[in-house]
């Protein structure tokens, strides 16, 4: 029984069959694995922005998608942007009724001061 397996294993047809099977597995698996790896790295800025509750996470997502169209040239910018802390702008939460700002006074022209007197 073992001699029959040895004869089959040593035949040229068996080696060709094994080589063809390995070639087909590699030809199918490597591109799929490459696409998955590329996609996983490509959406990394988007994931990090989402994890960090970045206020501009949607813009970073769009930049990652645009980077796919531009061959990955925008990806480093999206990556840096995802880790940047955006500047905080102070916005006062006052309703228009609460504001005591006199718009008419601001609209008045300002008289230039006389420097010579």
C-alpha atoms as a PDB file:
ATOM      1  CA  UNK A   1       0.000   0.000   0.000  1.00  0.00           C
ATOM      2  CA  UNK A   2       2.736   2.481   0.904  1.00  0.00           C
ATOM      3  CA  UNK A   3       4.679   1.590  -2.236  1.00  0.00           C
ATOM      4  CA  UNK A   4       1.653   2.547  -4.345  1.00  0.00           C
ATOM      5  CA  UNK A   5       1.553   5.966  -2.703  1.00  0.00           C
ATOM      6  CA  UNK A   6       5.275   6.374  -3.256  1.00  0.00           C
ATOM      7  CA  UNK A   7       4.901   5.591  -6.944  1.00  0.00           C
ATOM      8  CA  UNK A   8       2.045   8.103  -7.269  1.00  0.00           C
ATOM      9  CA  UNK A   9       4.030  10.714  -5.346  1.00  0.00           C
ATOM     10  CA  UNK A  10       7.075  10.297  -7.555  1.00  0.00           C
ATOM     11  CA  UNK A  11       5.235  10.519 -10.837  1.00  0.00           C
ATOM     12  CA  UNK A  12       5.580  13.703 -12.860  1.00  0.00           C
ATOM     13  CA  UNK A  13       1.831  14.092 -13.186  1.00  0.00           C
ATOM     14  CA  UNK A  14       1.402  14.318  -9.414  1.00  0.00           C
ATOM     15  CA  UNK A  15       3.976  17.110  -9.120  1.00  0.00           C
ATOM     16  CA  UNK A  16       2.299  19.023 -11.904  1.00  0.00           C
ATOM     17  CA  UNK A  17      -1.063  18.623 -10.225  1.00  0.00           C
ATOM     18  CA  UNK A  18       0.265  19.856  -6.872  1.00  0.00           C
ATOM     19  CA  UNK A  19       2.008  22.784  -8.570  1.00  0.00           C
ATOM     20  CA  UNK A  20      -1.199  23.723 -10.409  1.00  0.00           C
ATOM     21  CA  UNK A  21      -3.267  23.569  -7.225  1.00  0.00           C
ATOM     22  CA  UNK A  22      -0.762  25.731  -5.349  1.00  0.00           C
ATOM     23  CA  UNK A  23      -0.601  28.183  -8.273  1.00  0.00           C
ATOM     24  CA  UNK A  24      -4.394  28.541  -8.362  1.00  0.00           C
ATOM     25  CA  UNK A  25      -4.590  29.012  -4.594  1.00  0.00           C
ATOM     26  CA  UNK A  26      -1.890  31.689  -4.725  1.00  0.00           C
ATOM     27  CA  UNK A  27      -3.436  33.351  -7.788  1.00  0.00           C
ATOM     28  CA  UNK A  28      -6.773  33.660  -6.025  1.00  0.00           C
ATOM     29  CA  UNK A  29      -5.774  34.162  -2.365  1.00  0.00           C
ATOM     30  CA  UNK A  30      -2.955  36.712  -2.738  1.00  0.00           C
ATOM     31  CA  UNK A  31      -4.972  39.380  -4.610  1.00  0.00           C
ATOM     32  CA  UNK A  32      -7.886  38.964  -2.213  1.00  0.00           C
ATOM     33  CA  UNK A  33      -5.576  39.254   0.803  1.00  0.00           C
ATOM     34  CA  UNK A  34      -3.884  42.268  -0.801  1.00  0.00           C
ATOM     35  CA  UNK A  35      -7.197  44.036  -1.377  1.00  0.00           C
ATOM     36  CA  UNK A  36      -8.310  43.335   2.186  1.00  0.00           C
ATOM     37  CA  UNK A  37      -4.992  44.595   3.596  1.00  0.00           C
ATOM     38  CA  UNK A  38      -5.082  47.711   1.382  1.00  0.00           C
ATOM     39  CA  UNK A  39      -8.667  48.475   2.394  1.00  0.00           C
ATOM     40  CA  UNK A  40      -7.940  47.908   6.099  1.00  0.00           C
ATOM     41  CA  UNK A  41      -5.011  50.312   6.032  1.00  0.00           C
ATOM     42  CA  UNK A  42      -6.898  52.776   3.858  1.00  0.00           C
ATOM     43  CA  UNK A  43      -9.836  53.180   6.258  1.00  0.00           C
ATOM     44  CA  UNK A  44      -7.589  53.427   9.320  1.00  0.00           C
ATOM     45  CA  UNK A  45      -7.854  57.260   9.532  1.00  0.00           C
ATOM     46  CA  UNK A  46     -11.633  56.985   9.383  1.00  0.00           C
ATOM     47  CA  UNK A  47     -11.693  54.428  12.204  1.00  0.00           C
ATOM     48  CA  UNK A  48      -9.335  56.457  14.380  1.00  0.00           C
ATOM     49  CA  UNK A  49     -11.372  59.635  13.849  1.00  0.00           C
ATOM     50  CA  UNK A  50     -14.517  57.756  14.848  1.00  0.00           C
ATOM     51  CA  UNK A  51     -12.840  56.288  17.953  1.00  0.00           C
ATOM     52  CA  UNK A  52     -11.543  59.679  19.037  1.00  0.00           C
ATOM     53  CA  UNK A  53     -14.978  61.338  18.432  1.00  0.00           C
ATOM     54  CA  UNK A  54     -13.369  63.753  16.005  1.00  0.00           C
ATOM     55  CA  UNK A  55     -15.831  66.521  15.068  1.00  0.00           C
ATOM     56  CA  UNK A  56     -14.729  66.303  11.437  1.00  0.00           C
ATOM     57  CA  UNK A  57     -14.912  62.503  11.151  1.00  0.00           C
ATOM     58  CA  UNK A  58     -17.229  62.667   8.139  1.00  0.00           C
ATOM     59  CA  UNK A  59     -14.797  64.921   6.273  1.00  0.00           C
ATOM     60  CA  UNK A  60     -11.963  62.508   7.064  1.00  0.00           C
ATOM     61  CA  UNK A  61     -14.108  59.672   5.714  1.00  0.00           C
ATOM     62  CA  UNK A  62     -14.666  61.594   2.486  1.00  0.00           C
ATOM     63  CA  UNK A  63     -10.938  62.302   2.209  1.00  0.00           C
ATOM     64  CA  UNK A  64     -10.199  58.573   2.577  1.00  0.00           C
ATOM     65  CA  UNK A  65     -12.653  57.801  -0.233  1.00  0.00           C
ATOM     66  CA  UNK A  66     -11.165  60.538  -2.405  1.00  0.00           C
ATOM     67  CA  UNK A  67      -7.738  59.089  -1.721  1.00  0.00           C
ATOM     68  CA  UNK A  68      -8.874  55.874  -3.407  1.00  0.00           C
ATOM     69  CA  UNK A  69      -9.504  57.884  -6.574  1.00  0.00           C
ATOM     70  CA  UNK A  70      -6.178  59.717  -6.365  1.00  0.00           C
ATOM     71  CA  UNK A  71      -4.052  56.629  -5.839  1.00  0.00           C
ATOM     72  CA  UNK A  72      -3.546  57.084  -2.103  1.00  0.00           C
ATOM     73  CA  UNK A  73      -1.956  60.524  -2.324  1.00  0.00           C
ATOM     74  CA  UNK A  74      -4.419  62.051   0.140  1.00  0.00           C
ATOM     75  CA  UNK A  75      -4.158  59.200   2.666  1.00  0.00           C
ATOM     76  CA  UNK A  76      -1.252  60.674   4.686  1.00  0.00           C
ATOM     77  CA  UNK A  77      -3.163  63.931   5.086  1.00  0.00           C
ATOM     78  CA  UNK A  78      -6.267  62.069   6.262  1.00  0.00           C
ATOM     79  CA  UNK A  79      -4.133  60.072   8.705  1.00  0.00           C
ATOM     80  CA  UNK A  80      -2.575  63.201  10.199  1.00  0.00           C
ATOM     81  CA  UNK A  81      -5.944  64.962  10.264  1.00  0.00           C
ATOM     82  CA  UNK A  82      -7.534  62.063  12.171  1.00  0.00           C
ATOM     83  CA  UNK A  83      -4.982  62.434  14.974  1.00  0.00           C
ATOM     84  CA  UNK A  84      -5.015  66.245  15.107  1.00  0.00           C
ATOM     85  CA  UNK A  85      -6.987  67.966  17.791  1.00  0.00           C
ATOM     86  CA  UNK A  86      -9.164  70.588  16.112  1.00  0.00           C
ATOM     87  CA  UNK A  87      -9.044  74.081  17.584  1.00  0.00           C
ATOM     88  CA  UNK A  88     -11.921  74.886  19.876  1.00  0.00           C
ATOM     89  CA  UNK A  89     -13.923  77.924  18.913  1.00  0.00           C
ATOM     90  CA  UNK A  90     -15.813  79.697  21.638  1.00  0.00           C
ATOM     91  CA  UNK A  91     -19.404  80.143  20.687  1.00  0.00           C
ATOM     92  CA  UNK A  92     -21.723  81.883  23.049  1.00  0.00           C
ATOM     93  CA  UNK A  93     -25.070  80.221  23.433  1.00  0.00           C
ATOM     94  CA  UNK A  94     -27.236  83.303  23.655  1.00  0.00           C
ATOM     95  CA  UNK A  95     -30.569  83.552  21.951  1.00  0.00           C
ATOM     96  CA  UNK A  96     -31.264  86.665  19.839  1.00  0.00           C
ATOM     97  CA  UNK A  97     -33.790  87.882  22.447  1.00  0.00           C
ATOM     98  CA  UNK A  98     -31.143  87.811  25.178  1.00  0.00           C
ATOM     99  CA  UNK A  99     -28.665  89.893  23.237  1.00  0.00           C
ATOM    100  CA  UNK A 100     -28.446  93.522  24.291  1.00  0.00           C
ATOM    101  CA  UNK A 101     -26.108  94.431  21.451  1.00  0.00           C
ATOM    102  CA  UNK A 102     -27.019  97.708  19.756  1.00  0.00           C
ATOM    103  CA  UNK A 103     -26.581  97.172  16.024  1.00  0.00           C
ATOM    104  CA  UNK A 104     -27.533 100.779  15.230  1.00  0.00           C
ATOM    105  CA  UNK A 105     -24.623 102.107  17.251  1.00  0.00           C
ATOM    106  CA  UNK A 106     -22.189  99.908  15.354  1.00  0.00           C
ATOM    107  CA  UNK A 107     -23.517 101.056  12.008  1.00  0.00           C
ATOM    108  CA  UNK A 108     -22.628 104.716  12.745  1.00  0.00           C
ATOM    109  CA  UNK A 109     -19.491 105.971  11.002  1.00  0.00           C
ATOM    110  CA  UNK A 110     -16.527 106.710  13.212  1.00  0.00           C
ATOM    111  CA  UNK A 111     -15.110 110.242  13.093  1.00  0.00           C
ATOM    112  CA  UNK A 112     -11.347 110.351  12.566  1.00  0.00           C
ATOM    113  CA  UNK A 113      -9.435 111.902  15.416  1.00  0.00           C
ATOM    114  CA  UNK A 114      -7.493 115.091  14.653  1.00  0.00           C
ATOM    115  CA  UNK A 115      -3.824 114.347  15.116  1.00  0.00           C
ATOM    116  CA  UNK A 116      -2.753 117.994  14.608  1.00  0.00           C
ATOM    117  CA  UNK A 117      -4.856 119.718  17.329  1.00  0.00           C
END
